[in-house]
């Protein structure tokens, strides 16, 4: 009998059509079975409570792996990757259903775009039909897209460090937040890293939130010598990098309950602080295990929206040492930014005191 061409998946109050339901998205591993496109759609429907808490009313870019995940496949990150296997979708795809809502966002270049803005679980399920595995929401709500309501602390293990190192640093981050009168919520990245989110009052622009992240990273460096805020990889060493630029306009992090394009269908999974402290490996947190965990124990981030903190304590720390750090390479050059050249390749005489290249 021929395989079904489409199936309908129940997503909240709607049925969503999923084409090519038997397409294998993740191949089987020693720990997990194969995952089909239908299973991805059903997974998103099953984690509705947590996923919608992460996405609701947020402009969201899609990471689409339309042919599935295989070793050697590449994700496009720019025009140079035209032949890549997967890509980011920052504008609403053609053929979107009429219930899909949008939000208009402005890129650092000044260009604008209408991005998907999930308001119900049928939207992420439809995105699975379009090959989406990972959701990348902006740290804003659509009623105010210029003032973030999240501070995102991305703890990124560098070569020579382990997930255990990231767990240790996350614990130090929690202590620092407590000293600042702030509450953080932790999740695995779905790979080796850890993300800590703090809800903030939407009173500050992206520049201020990024400066707060830099100040936080610098304070974390003081408390743990295994932490760095060095932008250039050659300067980071075997330490956990606090990626402050994840708080820059148009930079996003995989949402809670997103799948990641790694063998085994891992999930970026919210955890309680006690769970995180005792976690040796995030490998067991995947498409097969997370829905049952959410159904039985609830979402560890259920209270994340209860309190929105002031960013002022971190901005006060920034004001004590207001030294700018590099922006991402695709971001316009900013006032006070250091030269965008690797320290090992920098020739001092080629740059003025403001970090601008001196014409030959």
C-alpha atoms as a PDB file:
ATOM      1  CA  UNK A   1       0.000   0.000   0.000  1.00  0.00           C
ATOM      2  CA  UNK A   2       1.373   3.459  -0.891  1.00  0.00           C
ATOM      3  CA  UNK A   3       2.291   5.717   1.999  1.00  0.00           C
ATOM      4  CA  UNK A   4      -0.155   8.483   2.833  1.00  0.00           C
ATOM      5  CA  UNK A   5       0.685  11.766   1.101  1.00  0.00           C
ATOM      6  CA  UNK A   6      -0.707  13.916   3.908  1.00  0.00           C
ATOM      7  CA  UNK A   7      -2.099  13.470   7.393  1.00  0.00           C
ATOM      8  CA  UNK A   8      -3.932  15.772   9.757  1.00  0.00           C
ATOM      9  CA  UNK A   9      -2.447  16.562  13.177  1.00  0.00           C
ATOM     10  CA  UNK A  10      -4.592  17.883  16.002  1.00  0.00           C
ATOM     11  CA  UNK A  11      -3.078  21.133  17.267  1.00  0.00           C
ATOM     12  CA  UNK A  12      -5.220  22.760  19.911  1.00  0.00           C
ATOM     13  CA  UNK A  13      -8.600  23.449  18.330  1.00  0.00           C
ATOM     14  CA  UNK A  14      -7.361  23.018  14.763  1.00  0.00           C
ATOM     15  CA  UNK A  15      -6.336  20.211  12.497  1.00  0.00           C
ATOM     16  CA  UNK A  16      -3.125  20.963  10.612  1.00  0.00           C
ATOM     17  CA  UNK A  17      -2.178  19.242   7.363  1.00  0.00           C
ATOM     18  CA  UNK A  18       1.290  17.668   7.293  1.00  0.00           C
ATOM     19  CA  UNK A  19       2.638  16.516   3.940  1.00  0.00           C
ATOM     20  CA  UNK A  20       5.212  13.734   3.457  1.00  0.00           C
ATOM     21  CA  UNK A  21       4.540  12.458   6.992  1.00  0.00           C
ATOM     22  CA  UNK A  22       6.859   9.446   6.626  1.00  0.00           C
ATOM     23  CA  UNK A  23       9.905  11.449   5.593  1.00  0.00           C
ATOM     24  CA  UNK A  24      12.762  10.584   7.966  1.00  0.00           C
ATOM     25  CA  UNK A  25      14.019  13.761   9.631  1.00  0.00           C
ATOM     26  CA  UNK A  26      16.395  12.161  12.155  1.00  0.00           C
ATOM     27  CA  UNK A  27      17.953   8.769  11.523  1.00  0.00           C
ATOM     28  CA  UNK A  28      18.014   6.233  14.347  1.00  0.00           C
ATOM     29  CA  UNK A  29      20.914   6.294  16.806  1.00  0.00           C
ATOM     30  CA  UNK A  30      22.065   3.856  19.478  1.00  0.00           C
ATOM     31  CA  UNK A  31      19.861   5.710  21.979  1.00  0.00           C
ATOM     32  CA  UNK A  32      16.886   6.824  19.870  1.00  0.00           C
ATOM     33  CA  UNK A  33      14.727   5.544  17.040  1.00  0.00           C
ATOM     34  CA  UNK A  34      14.229   7.339  13.752  1.00  0.00           C
ATOM     35  CA  UNK A  35      12.068  10.448  13.723  1.00  0.00           C
ATOM     36  CA  UNK A  36       9.658  11.243  10.894  1.00  0.00           C
ATOM     37  CA  UNK A  37       8.180  14.552   9.851  1.00  0.00           C
ATOM     38  CA  UNK A  38       4.862  13.497  11.374  1.00  0.00           C
ATOM     39  CA  UNK A  39       6.577  12.787  14.687  1.00  0.00           C
ATOM     40  CA  UNK A  40       8.089  16.281  14.687  1.00  0.00           C
ATOM     41  CA  UNK A  41       4.649  17.847  14.148  1.00  0.00           C
ATOM     42  CA  UNK A  42       3.118  15.669  16.874  1.00  0.00           C
ATOM     43  CA  UNK A  43       5.989  16.536  19.209  1.00  0.00           C
ATOM     44  CA  UNK A  44       5.323  20.279  18.885  1.00  0.00           C
ATOM     45  CA  UNK A  45       1.621  19.697  19.542  1.00  0.00           C
ATOM     46  CA  UNK A  46       2.448  17.637  22.632  1.00  0.00           C
ATOM     47  CA  UNK A  47       4.615  20.335  24.263  1.00  0.00           C
ATOM     48  CA  UNK A  48       2.097  23.114  23.670  1.00  0.00           C
ATOM     49  CA  UNK A  49       2.204  24.513  27.209  1.00  0.00           C
ATOM     50  CA  UNK A  50       5.956  25.051  27.313  1.00  0.00           C
ATOM     51  CA  UNK A  51       6.484  25.884  23.657  1.00  0.00           C
ATOM     52  CA  UNK A  52       3.795  28.556  23.552  1.00  0.00           C
ATOM     53  CA  UNK A  53       5.107  30.075  26.769  1.00  0.00           C
ATOM     54  CA  UNK A  54       8.370  30.573  24.876  1.00  0.00           C
ATOM     55  CA  UNK A  55       6.877  31.782  21.567  1.00  0.00           C
ATOM     56  CA  UNK A  56       3.551  33.470  22.192  1.00  0.00           C
ATOM     57  CA  UNK A  57       3.340  36.957  20.656  1.00  0.00           C
ATOM     58  CA  UNK A  58       7.056  36.957  19.767  1.00  0.00           C
ATOM     59  CA  UNK A  59       8.341  37.634  16.243  1.00  0.00           C
ATOM     60  CA  UNK A  60       9.971  34.319  15.364  1.00  0.00           C
ATOM     61  CA  UNK A  61      12.446  33.204  12.717  1.00  0.00           C
ATOM     62  CA  UNK A  62      12.317  29.584  11.581  1.00  0.00           C
ATOM     63  CA  UNK A  63      15.240  27.200  11.147  1.00  0.00           C
ATOM     64  CA  UNK A  64      14.080  24.909   8.354  1.00  0.00           C
ATOM     65  CA  UNK A  65      15.635  21.517   7.601  1.00  0.00           C
ATOM     66  CA  UNK A  66      13.345  20.479   4.780  1.00  0.00           C
ATOM     67  CA  UNK A  67      15.346  17.352   3.872  1.00  0.00           C
ATOM     68  CA  UNK A  68      15.997  16.278   7.430  1.00  0.00           C
ATOM     69  CA  UNK A  69      19.233  16.120   9.408  1.00  0.00           C
ATOM     70  CA  UNK A  70      22.192  14.093   8.165  1.00  0.00           C
ATOM     71  CA  UNK A  71      25.935  14.153   8.893  1.00  0.00           C
ATOM     72  CA  UNK A  72      27.690  16.797   6.836  1.00  0.00           C
ATOM     73  CA  UNK A  73      24.582  18.849   6.106  1.00  0.00           C
ATOM     74  CA  UNK A  74      25.064  22.610   6.373  1.00  0.00           C
ATOM     75  CA  UNK A  75      22.893  25.459   7.630  1.00  0.00           C
ATOM     76  CA  UNK A  76      23.022  28.622   5.506  1.00  0.00           C
ATOM     77  CA  UNK A  77      24.165  31.680   7.454  1.00  0.00           C
ATOM     78  CA  UNK A  78      24.560  34.128   4.554  1.00  0.00           C
ATOM     79  CA  UNK A  79      24.396  34.668   0.785  1.00  0.00           C
ATOM     80  CA  UNK A  80      27.596  32.671   0.385  1.00  0.00           C
ATOM     81  CA  UNK A  81      25.719  29.512   1.444  1.00  0.00           C
ATOM     82  CA  UNK A  82      23.248  29.312  -1.450  1.00  0.00           C
ATOM     83  CA  UNK A  83      23.743  25.557  -1.761  1.00  0.00           C
ATOM     84  CA  UNK A  84      23.299  24.788   1.938  1.00  0.00           C
ATOM     85  CA  UNK A  85      20.858  22.104   3.090  1.00  0.00           C
ATOM     86  CA  UNK A  86      18.958  24.205   5.641  1.00  0.00           C
ATOM     87  CA  UNK A  87      18.198  27.878   6.113  1.00  0.00           C
ATOM     88  CA  UNK A  88      16.707  30.556   8.358  1.00  0.00           C
ATOM     89  CA  UNK A  89      13.291  31.903   7.336  1.00  0.00           C
ATOM     90  CA  UNK A  90      12.920  35.458   8.613  1.00  0.00           C
ATOM     91  CA  UNK A  91       9.864  36.361   6.562  1.00  0.00           C
ATOM     92  CA  UNK A  92       6.489  34.633   6.441  1.00  0.00           C
ATOM     93  CA  UNK A  93       6.682  31.725   3.959  1.00  0.00           C
ATOM     94  CA  UNK A  94       4.305  31.589   1.015  1.00  0.00           C
ATOM     95  CA  UNK A  95       1.173  29.567   1.556  1.00  0.00           C
ATOM     96  CA  UNK A  96       0.803  30.463   5.232  1.00  0.00           C
ATOM     97  CA  UNK A  97      -2.644  29.676   6.693  1.00  0.00           C
ATOM     98  CA  UNK A  98      -5.043  32.520   7.399  1.00  0.00           C
ATOM     99  CA  UNK A  99      -4.824  32.009  11.152  1.00  0.00           C
ATOM    100  CA  UNK A 100      -1.084  32.738  11.170  1.00  0.00           C
ATOM    101  CA  UNK A 101      -0.388  36.218  12.561  1.00  0.00           C
ATOM    102  CA  UNK A 102       2.685  38.380  12.055  1.00  0.00           C
ATOM    103  CA  UNK A 103       4.740  41.142  13.628  1.00  0.00           C
ATOM    104  CA  UNK A 104       6.842  43.749  11.822  1.00  0.00           C
ATOM    105  CA  UNK A 105      10.445  43.910  13.004  1.00  0.00           C
ATOM    106  CA  UNK A 106      13.320  46.182  12.012  1.00  0.00           C
ATOM    107  CA  UNK A 107      16.770  44.774  11.289  1.00  0.00           C
ATOM    108  CA  UNK A 108      19.969  46.644  12.286  1.00  0.00           C
ATOM    109  CA  UNK A 109      20.263  47.734   8.632  1.00  0.00           C
ATOM    110  CA  UNK A 110      16.954  49.586   8.906  1.00  0.00           C
ATOM    111  CA  UNK A 111      15.107  47.152   6.636  1.00  0.00           C
ATOM    112  CA  UNK A 112      11.867  45.686   7.946  1.00  0.00           C
ATOM    113  CA  UNK A 113      10.152  42.320   7.673  1.00  0.00           C
ATOM    114  CA  UNK A 114       6.930  40.658   8.693  1.00  0.00           C
ATOM    115  CA  UNK A 115       7.863  37.627  10.791  1.00  0.00           C
ATOM    116  CA  UNK A 116       5.696  34.824  12.047  1.00  0.00           C
ATOM    117  CA  UNK A 117       4.254  35.665  15.449  1.00  0.00           C
ATOM    118  CA  UNK A 118       2.844  32.501  17.062  1.00  0.00           C
ATOM    119  CA  UNK A 119      -0.426  32.985  18.917  1.00  0.00           C
ATOM    120  CA  UNK A 120      -1.597  29.355  19.038  1.00  0.00           C
ATOM    121  CA  UNK A 121      -0.019  25.902  18.823  1.00  0.00           C
ATOM    122  CA  UNK A 122      -1.339  25.301  15.300  1.00  0.00           C
ATOM    123  CA  UNK A 123       1.301  27.760  14.060  1.00  0.00           C
ATOM    124  CA  UNK A 124       4.375  25.784  15.244  1.00  0.00           C
ATOM    125  CA  UNK A 125       2.747  22.582  13.976  1.00  0.00           C
ATOM    126  CA  UNK A 126       2.247  24.168  10.551  1.00  0.00           C
ATOM    127  CA  UNK A 127       5.891  25.269  10.702  1.00  0.00           C
ATOM    128  CA  UNK A 128       6.819  21.593  11.206  1.00  0.00           C
ATOM    129  CA  UNK A 129       4.922  20.858   7.989  1.00  0.00           C
ATOM    130  CA  UNK A 130       7.306  23.407   6.407  1.00  0.00           C
ATOM    131  CA  UNK A 131      10.361  21.558   7.736  1.00  0.00           C
ATOM    132  CA  UNK A 132      11.005  23.683  10.820  1.00  0.00           C
ATOM    133  CA  UNK A 133      12.909  22.102  13.710  1.00  0.00           C
ATOM    134  CA  UNK A 134      14.060  25.145  15.679  1.00  0.00           C
ATOM    135  CA  UNK A 135      12.245  28.359  16.563  1.00  0.00           C
ATOM    136  CA  UNK A 136      14.207  31.553  17.074  1.00  0.00           C
ATOM    137  CA  UNK A 137      11.971  34.103  18.823  1.00  0.00           C
ATOM    138  CA  UNK A 138      12.997  37.708  19.362  1.00  0.00           C
ATOM    139  CA  UNK A 139      13.218  38.796  23.032  1.00  0.00           C
ATOM    140  CA  UNK A 140      10.240  41.130  22.509  1.00  0.00           C
ATOM    141  CA  UNK A 141       6.458  40.963  22.285  1.00  0.00           C
ATOM    142  CA  UNK A 142       4.669  42.218  19.200  1.00  0.00           C
ATOM    143  CA  UNK A 143       3.044  45.121  21.058  1.00  0.00           C
ATOM    144  CA  UNK A 144       6.523  46.652  21.552  1.00  0.00           C
ATOM    145  CA  UNK A 145       9.174  45.207  19.247  1.00  0.00           C
ATOM    146  CA  UNK A 146      11.891  47.700  20.226  1.00  0.00           C
ATOM    147  CA  UNK A 147      12.053  47.018  23.971  1.00  0.00           C
ATOM    148  CA  UNK A 148      13.046  43.486  25.046  1.00  0.00           C
ATOM    149  CA  UNK A 149      11.370  41.782  27.966  1.00  0.00           C
ATOM    150  CA  UNK A 150      14.127  39.132  28.254  1.00  0.00           C
ATOM    151  CA  UNK A 151      17.776  39.247  29.194  1.00  0.00           C
ATOM    152  CA  UNK A 152      19.399  36.172  27.659  1.00  0.00           C
ATOM    153  CA  UNK A 153      22.595  34.774  29.153  1.00  0.00           C
ATOM    154  CA  UNK A 154      24.176  32.324  26.725  1.00  0.00           C
ATOM    155  CA  UNK A 155      26.859  30.149  28.344  1.00  0.00           C
ATOM    156  CA  UNK A 156      28.809  28.708  25.409  1.00  0.00           C
ATOM    157  CA  UNK A 157      31.442  26.019  26.138  1.00  0.00           C
ATOM    158  CA  UNK A 158      34.660  26.541  24.192  1.00  0.00           C
ATOM    159  CA  UNK A 159      36.985  23.744  22.999  1.00  0.00           C
ATOM    160  CA  UNK A 160      38.537  22.026  25.981  1.00  0.00           C
ATOM    161  CA  UNK A 161      35.523  22.619  28.231  1.00  0.00           C
ATOM    162  CA  UNK A 162      32.601  20.348  28.999  1.00  0.00           C
ATOM    163  CA  UNK A 163      28.886  20.461  29.697  1.00  0.00           C
ATOM    164  CA  UNK A 164      29.860  20.039  33.347  1.00  0.00           C
ATOM    165  CA  UNK A 165      31.820  23.292  33.163  1.00  0.00           C
ATOM    166  CA  UNK A 166      28.745  25.041  31.790  1.00  0.00           C
ATOM    167  CA  UNK A 167      26.660  23.609  34.647  1.00  0.00           C
ATOM    168  CA  UNK A 168      29.155  24.960  37.183  1.00  0.00           C
ATOM    169  CA  UNK A 169      29.145  28.421  35.625  1.00  0.00           C
ATOM    170  CA  UNK A 170      25.352  28.423  35.460  1.00  0.00           C
ATOM    171  CA  UNK A 171      25.314  27.881  39.215  1.00  0.00           C
ATOM    172  CA  UNK A 172      27.582  30.888  39.680  1.00  0.00           C
ATOM    173  CA  UNK A 173      25.324  32.890  37.371  1.00  0.00           C
ATOM    174  CA  UNK A 174      22.350  31.991  39.525  1.00  0.00           C
ATOM    175  CA  UNK A 175      24.148  33.245  42.629  1.00  0.00           C
ATOM    176  CA  UNK A 176      25.073  36.495  40.893  1.00  0.00           C
ATOM    177  CA  UNK A 177      21.497  37.045  39.768  1.00  0.00           C
ATOM    178  CA  UNK A 178      20.323  36.429  43.314  1.00  0.00           C
ATOM    179  CA  UNK A 179      22.750  39.053  44.605  1.00  0.00           C
ATOM    180  CA  UNK A 180      21.273  41.465  42.065  1.00  0.00           C
ATOM    181  CA  UNK A 181      17.720  40.683  43.176  1.00  0.00           C
ATOM    182  CA  UNK A 182      16.882  38.868  39.952  1.00  0.00           C
ATOM    183  CA  UNK A 183      15.516  35.395  39.188  1.00  0.00           C
ATOM    184  CA  UNK A 184      16.923  33.360  36.319  1.00  0.00           C
ATOM    185  CA  UNK A 185      15.442  30.368  34.513  1.00  0.00           C
ATOM    186  CA  UNK A 186      17.793  27.791  32.985  1.00  0.00           C
ATOM    187  CA  UNK A 187      17.529  25.467  29.995  1.00  0.00           C
ATOM    188  CA  UNK A 188      19.860  23.291  28.025  1.00  0.00           C
ATOM    189  CA  UNK A 189      20.814  24.619  24.613  1.00  0.00           C
ATOM    190  CA  UNK A 190      20.125  21.220  23.073  1.00  0.00           C
ATOM    191  CA  UNK A 191      23.863  20.753  22.602  1.00  0.00           C
ATOM    192  CA  UNK A 192      26.621  21.472  25.167  1.00  0.00           C
ATOM    193  CA  UNK A 193      25.619  24.949  26.300  1.00  0.00           C
ATOM    194  CA  UNK A 194      23.214  26.397  28.838  1.00  0.00           C
ATOM    195  CA  UNK A 195      20.908  29.382  28.508  1.00  0.00           C
ATOM    196  CA  UNK A 196      19.687  31.455  31.444  1.00  0.00           C
ATOM    197  CA  UNK A 197      16.734  33.797  30.862  1.00  0.00           C
ATOM    198  CA  UNK A 198      15.629  36.692  33.035  1.00  0.00           C
ATOM    199  CA  UNK A 199      12.307  38.440  32.461  1.00  0.00           C
ATOM    200  CA  UNK A 200      12.792  42.212  32.504  1.00  0.00           C
ATOM    201  CA  UNK A 201      10.478  45.181  32.281  1.00  0.00           C
ATOM    202  CA  UNK A 202      10.286  46.314  28.632  1.00  0.00           C
ATOM    203  CA  UNK A 203      11.665  49.764  29.448  1.00  0.00           C
ATOM    204  CA  UNK A 204      15.099  49.561  27.802  1.00  0.00           C
ATOM    205  CA  UNK A 205      16.212  49.275  24.185  1.00  0.00           C
ATOM    206  CA  UNK A 206      18.424  46.578  22.687  1.00  0.00           C
ATOM    207  CA  UNK A 207      21.598  48.608  23.249  1.00  0.00           C
ATOM    208  CA  UNK A 208      20.934  48.860  26.986  1.00  0.00           C
ATOM    209  CA  UNK A 209      20.065  45.158  27.319  1.00  0.00           C
ATOM    210  CA  UNK A 210      23.266  44.221  25.488  1.00  0.00           C
ATOM    211  CA  UNK A 211      25.289  46.450  27.829  1.00  0.00           C
ATOM    212  CA  UNK A 212      23.595  44.761  30.790  1.00  0.00           C
ATOM    213  CA  UNK A 213      24.659  41.370  29.378  1.00  0.00           C
ATOM    214  CA  UNK A 214      28.242  42.587  29.025  1.00  0.00           C
ATOM    215  CA  UNK A 215      28.214  43.858  32.614  1.00  0.00           C
ATOM    216  CA  UNK A 216      26.821  40.529  33.804  1.00  0.00           C
ATOM    217  CA  UNK A 217      29.509  38.623  31.928  1.00  0.00           C
ATOM    218  CA  UNK A 218      32.256  40.780  33.414  1.00  0.00           C
ATOM    219  CA  UNK A 219      30.962  40.202  36.934  1.00  0.00           C
ATOM    220  CA  UNK A 220      30.792  36.476  36.210  1.00  0.00           C
ATOM    221  CA  UNK A 221      34.440  36.553  35.097  1.00  0.00           C
ATOM    222  CA  UNK A 222      35.357  37.969  38.521  1.00  0.00           C
ATOM    223  CA  UNK A 223      33.631  35.082  40.295  1.00  0.00           C
ATOM    224  CA  UNK A 224      34.872  32.209  38.125  1.00  0.00           C
ATOM    225  CA  UNK A 225      38.178  32.214  36.237  1.00  0.00           C
ATOM    226  CA  UNK A 226      36.700  29.652  33.842  1.00  0.00           C
ATOM    227  CA  UNK A 227      34.511  32.378  32.276  1.00  0.00           C
ATOM    228  CA  UNK A 228      35.320  34.813  29.481  1.00  0.00           C
ATOM    229  CA  UNK A 229      33.656  37.646  27.586  1.00  0.00           C
ATOM    230  CA  UNK A 230      36.403  37.748  24.935  1.00  0.00           C
ATOM    231  CA  UNK A 231      34.756  38.163  21.539  1.00  0.00           C
ATOM    232  CA  UNK A 232      37.680  36.772  19.531  1.00  0.00           C
ATOM    233  CA  UNK A 233      37.954  32.992  19.708  1.00  0.00           C
ATOM    234  CA  UNK A 234      41.741  33.123  19.874  1.00  0.00           C
ATOM    235  CA  UNK A 235      41.467  34.959  23.195  1.00  0.00           C
ATOM    236  CA  UNK A 236      38.847  32.777  24.894  1.00  0.00           C
ATOM    237  CA  UNK A 237      40.964  29.806  25.880  1.00  0.00           C
ATOM    238  CA  UNK A 238      39.395  26.787  27.572  1.00  0.00           C
ATOM    239  CA  UNK A 239      36.640  28.760  29.251  1.00  0.00           C
ATOM    240  CA  UNK A 240      32.883  29.265  29.083  1.00  0.00           C
ATOM    241  CA  UNK A 241      32.094  32.193  26.798  1.00  0.00           C
ATOM    242  CA  UNK A 242      29.273  34.532  27.828  1.00  0.00           C
ATOM    243  CA  UNK A 243      27.880  35.462  24.416  1.00  0.00           C
ATOM    244  CA  UNK A 244      26.641  38.948  25.217  1.00  0.00           C
ATOM    245  CA  UNK A 245      25.829  39.588  21.558  1.00  0.00           C
ATOM    246  CA  UNK A 246      22.839  37.249  21.774  1.00  0.00           C
ATOM    247  CA  UNK A 247      21.112  40.348  23.174  1.00  0.00           C
ATOM    248  CA  UNK A 248      21.788  42.404  20.032  1.00  0.00           C
ATOM    249  CA  UNK A 249      18.897  43.335  17.755  1.00  0.00           C
ATOM    250  CA  UNK A 250      18.091  40.461  15.340  1.00  0.00           C
ATOM    251  CA  UNK A 251      20.234  37.927  17.230  1.00  0.00           C
ATOM    252  CA  UNK A 252      18.158  35.068  18.575  1.00  0.00           C
ATOM    253  CA  UNK A 253      18.533  31.844  20.552  1.00  0.00           C
ATOM    254  CA  UNK A 254      16.756  28.529  20.025  1.00  0.00           C
ATOM    255  CA  UNK A 255      13.570  28.641  22.065  1.00  0.00           C
ATOM    256  CA  UNK A 256      12.650  26.404  24.944  1.00  0.00           C
ATOM    257  CA  UNK A 257      11.237  23.103  23.618  1.00  0.00           C
ATOM    258  CA  UNK A 258      12.759  23.602  20.170  1.00  0.00           C
ATOM    259  CA  UNK A 259      14.399  20.633  18.508  1.00  0.00           C
ATOM    260  CA  UNK A 260      18.038  20.961  17.469  1.00  0.00           C
ATOM    261  CA  UNK A 261      19.519  19.647  14.203  1.00  0.00           C
ATOM    262  CA  UNK A 262      21.738  17.078  15.904  1.00  0.00           C
ATOM    263  CA  UNK A 263      21.520  13.277  15.823  1.00  0.00           C
ATOM    264  CA  UNK A 264      19.091  11.954  18.433  1.00  0.00           C
ATOM    265  CA  UNK A 265      16.574  14.826  18.123  1.00  0.00           C
ATOM    266  CA  UNK A 266      17.725  16.714  21.242  1.00  0.00           C
ATOM    267  CA  UNK A 267      15.476  19.370  22.770  1.00  0.00           C
ATOM    268  CA  UNK A 268      16.409  22.702  24.314  1.00  0.00           C
ATOM    269  CA  UNK A 269      14.878  21.773  27.654  1.00  0.00           C
ATOM    270  CA  UNK A 270      13.928  23.961  30.644  1.00  0.00           C
ATOM    271  CA  UNK A 271      15.156  22.587  33.965  1.00  0.00           C
ATOM    272  CA  UNK A 272      14.845  23.468  37.604  1.00  0.00           C
ATOM    273  CA  UNK A 273      18.108  24.631  39.139  1.00  0.00           C
ATOM    274  CA  UNK A 274      18.341  21.457  41.217  1.00  0.00           C
ATOM    275  CA  UNK A 275      17.872  19.306  38.112  1.00  0.00           C
ATOM    276  CA  UNK A 276      20.538  21.205  36.245  1.00  0.00           C
ATOM    277  CA  UNK A 277      23.042  20.907  39.081  1.00  0.00           C
ATOM    278  CA  UNK A 278      22.726  17.105  39.018  1.00  0.00           C
ATOM    279  CA  UNK A 279      22.632  16.679  35.214  1.00  0.00           C
ATOM    280  CA  UNK A 280      25.692  14.927  33.778  1.00  0.00           C
ATOM    281  CA  UNK A 281      24.603  15.027  30.136  1.00  0.00           C
ATOM    282  CA  UNK A 282      21.718  16.614  28.212  1.00  0.00           C
ATOM    283  CA  UNK A 283      21.574  13.713  25.724  1.00  0.00           C
ATOM    284  CA  UNK A 284      18.554  12.114  27.410  1.00  0.00           C
ATOM    285  CA  UNK A 285      16.445  15.225  26.873  1.00  0.00           C
ATOM    286  CA  UNK A 286      15.028  14.615  23.419  1.00  0.00           C
ATOM    287  CA  UNK A 287      11.869  14.306  21.342  1.00  0.00           C
ATOM    288  CA  UNK A 288      11.096  10.914  22.879  1.00  0.00           C
ATOM    289  CA  UNK A 289      11.466  11.879  26.550  1.00  0.00           C
ATOM    290  CA  UNK A 290      10.539  15.553  26.913  1.00  0.00           C
ATOM    291  CA  UNK A 291       6.763  15.303  26.210  1.00  0.00           C
ATOM    292  CA  UNK A 292       6.260  12.776  29.018  1.00  0.00           C
ATOM    293  CA  UNK A 293       8.405  14.880  31.331  1.00  0.00           C
ATOM    294  CA  UNK A 294       6.321  17.981  30.596  1.00  0.00           C
ATOM    295  CA  UNK A 295       3.044  16.088  30.995  1.00  0.00           C
ATOM    296  CA  UNK A 296       3.994  14.531  34.332  1.00  0.00           C
ATOM    297  CA  UNK A 297       6.047  17.283  36.000  1.00  0.00           C
ATOM    298  CA  UNK A 298       4.882  20.461  34.269  1.00  0.00           C
ATOM    299  CA  UNK A 299       7.050  23.201  32.828  1.00  0.00           C
ATOM    300  CA  UNK A 300       9.935  24.315  35.087  1.00  0.00           C
ATOM    301  CA  UNK A 301       9.468  27.757  33.528  1.00  0.00           C
ATOM    302  CA  UNK A 302       5.788  28.018  34.485  1.00  0.00           C
ATOM    303  CA  UNK A 303       6.491  31.029  36.730  1.00  0.00           C
ATOM    304  CA  UNK A 304       8.820  32.881  34.351  1.00  0.00           C
ATOM    305  CA  UNK A 305       6.259  35.596  33.564  1.00  0.00           C
ATOM    306  CA  UNK A 306       5.292  36.235  37.175  1.00  0.00           C
ATOM    307  CA  UNK A 307       7.952  38.913  37.771  1.00  0.00           C
ATOM    308  CA  UNK A 308       9.618  41.323  35.341  1.00  0.00           C
ATOM    309  CA  UNK A 309      12.805  42.688  36.862  1.00  0.00           C
ATOM    310  CA  UNK A 310      14.462  46.068  36.561  1.00  0.00           C
ATOM    311  CA  UNK A 311      17.625  46.104  34.475  1.00  0.00           C
ATOM    312  CA  UNK A 312      19.013  49.005  36.482  1.00  0.00           C
ATOM    313  CA  UNK A 313      21.339  46.991  38.783  1.00  0.00           C
ATOM    314  CA  UNK A 314      23.203  45.669  35.748  1.00  0.00           C
ATOM    315  CA  UNK A 315      23.210  49.049  33.999  1.00  0.00           C
ATOM    316  CA  UNK A 316      24.777  50.542  37.132  1.00  0.00           C
ATOM    317  CA  UNK A 317      27.545  47.955  36.782  1.00  0.00           C
ATOM    318  CA  UNK A 318      27.936  48.873  33.115  1.00  0.00           C
ATOM    319  CA  UNK A 319      28.278  52.552  34.065  1.00  0.00           C
ATOM    320  CA  UNK A 320      31.208  51.623  36.328  1.00  0.00           C
ATOM    321  CA  UNK A 321      33.097  50.261  33.297  1.00  0.00           C
ATOM    322  CA  UNK A 322      31.380  51.467  30.081  1.00  0.00           C
ATOM    323  CA  UNK A 323      33.892  49.965  27.671  1.00  0.00           C
ATOM    324  CA  UNK A 324      32.301  48.766  24.446  1.00  0.00           C
ATOM    325  CA  UNK A 325      32.891  45.295  22.992  1.00  0.00           C
ATOM    326  CA  UNK A 326      32.618  44.045  19.419  1.00  0.00           C
ATOM    327  CA  UNK A 327      29.277  43.641  17.702  1.00  0.00           C
ATOM    328  CA  UNK A 328      28.493  40.708  15.375  1.00  0.00           C
ATOM    329  CA  UNK A 329      30.184  41.010  11.954  1.00  0.00           C
ATOM    330  CA  UNK A 330      26.896  41.560  10.092  1.00  0.00           C
ATOM    331  CA  UNK A 331      25.906  44.455  12.375  1.00  0.00           C
ATOM    332  CA  UNK A 332      26.627  48.080  11.366  1.00  0.00           C
ATOM    333  CA  UNK A 333      29.779  49.516  12.958  1.00  0.00           C
ATOM    334  CA  UNK A 334      28.847  51.168  16.240  1.00  0.00           C
ATOM    335  CA  UNK A 335      30.324  54.145  18.152  1.00  0.00           C
ATOM    336  CA  UNK A 336      33.114  53.151  20.511  1.00  0.00           C
ATOM    337  CA  UNK A 337      33.360  49.638  19.100  1.00  0.00           C
ATOM    338  CA  UNK A 338      36.859  48.118  19.004  1.00  0.00           C
ATOM    339  CA  UNK A 339      38.396  47.324  15.592  1.00  0.00           C
ATOM    340  CA  UNK A 340      36.826  44.376  13.822  1.00  0.00           C
ATOM    341  CA  UNK A 341      40.067  42.530  13.271  1.00  0.00           C
ATOM    342  CA  UNK A 342      41.562  39.561  15.082  1.00  0.00           C
ATOM    343  CA  UNK A 343      44.021  40.750  17.731  1.00  0.00           C
ATOM    344  CA  UNK A 344      46.739  38.543  16.230  1.00  0.00           C
ATOM    345  CA  UNK A 345      46.304  40.303  12.867  1.00  0.00           C
ATOM    346  CA  UNK A 346      45.907  43.847  14.156  1.00  0.00           C
ATOM    347  CA  UNK A 347      48.531  46.423  13.178  1.00  0.00           C
ATOM    348  CA  UNK A 348      48.146  49.331  15.594  1.00  0.00           C
ATOM    349  CA  UNK A 349      49.220  51.969  13.073  1.00  0.00           C
ATOM    350  CA  UNK A 350      46.313  51.011  10.791  1.00  0.00           C
ATOM    351  CA  UNK A 351      43.627  52.072  13.308  1.00  0.00           C
ATOM    352  CA  UNK A 352      42.709  55.372  14.935  1.00  0.00           C
ATOM    353  CA  UNK A 353      41.797  55.791  18.598  1.00  0.00           C
ATOM    354  CA  UNK A 354      38.101  55.324  17.789  1.00  0.00           C
ATOM    355  CA  UNK A 355      38.644  51.924  16.186  1.00  0.00           C
ATOM    356  CA  UNK A 356      38.273  53.096  12.585  1.00  0.00           C
ATOM    357  CA  UNK A 357      40.513  51.860   9.790  1.00  0.00           C
ATOM    358  CA  UNK A 358      42.962  54.520   8.557  1.00  0.00           C
ATOM    359  CA  UNK A 359      42.881  54.662   4.734  1.00  0.00           C
ATOM    360  CA  UNK A 360      46.096  53.592   3.028  1.00  0.00           C
END
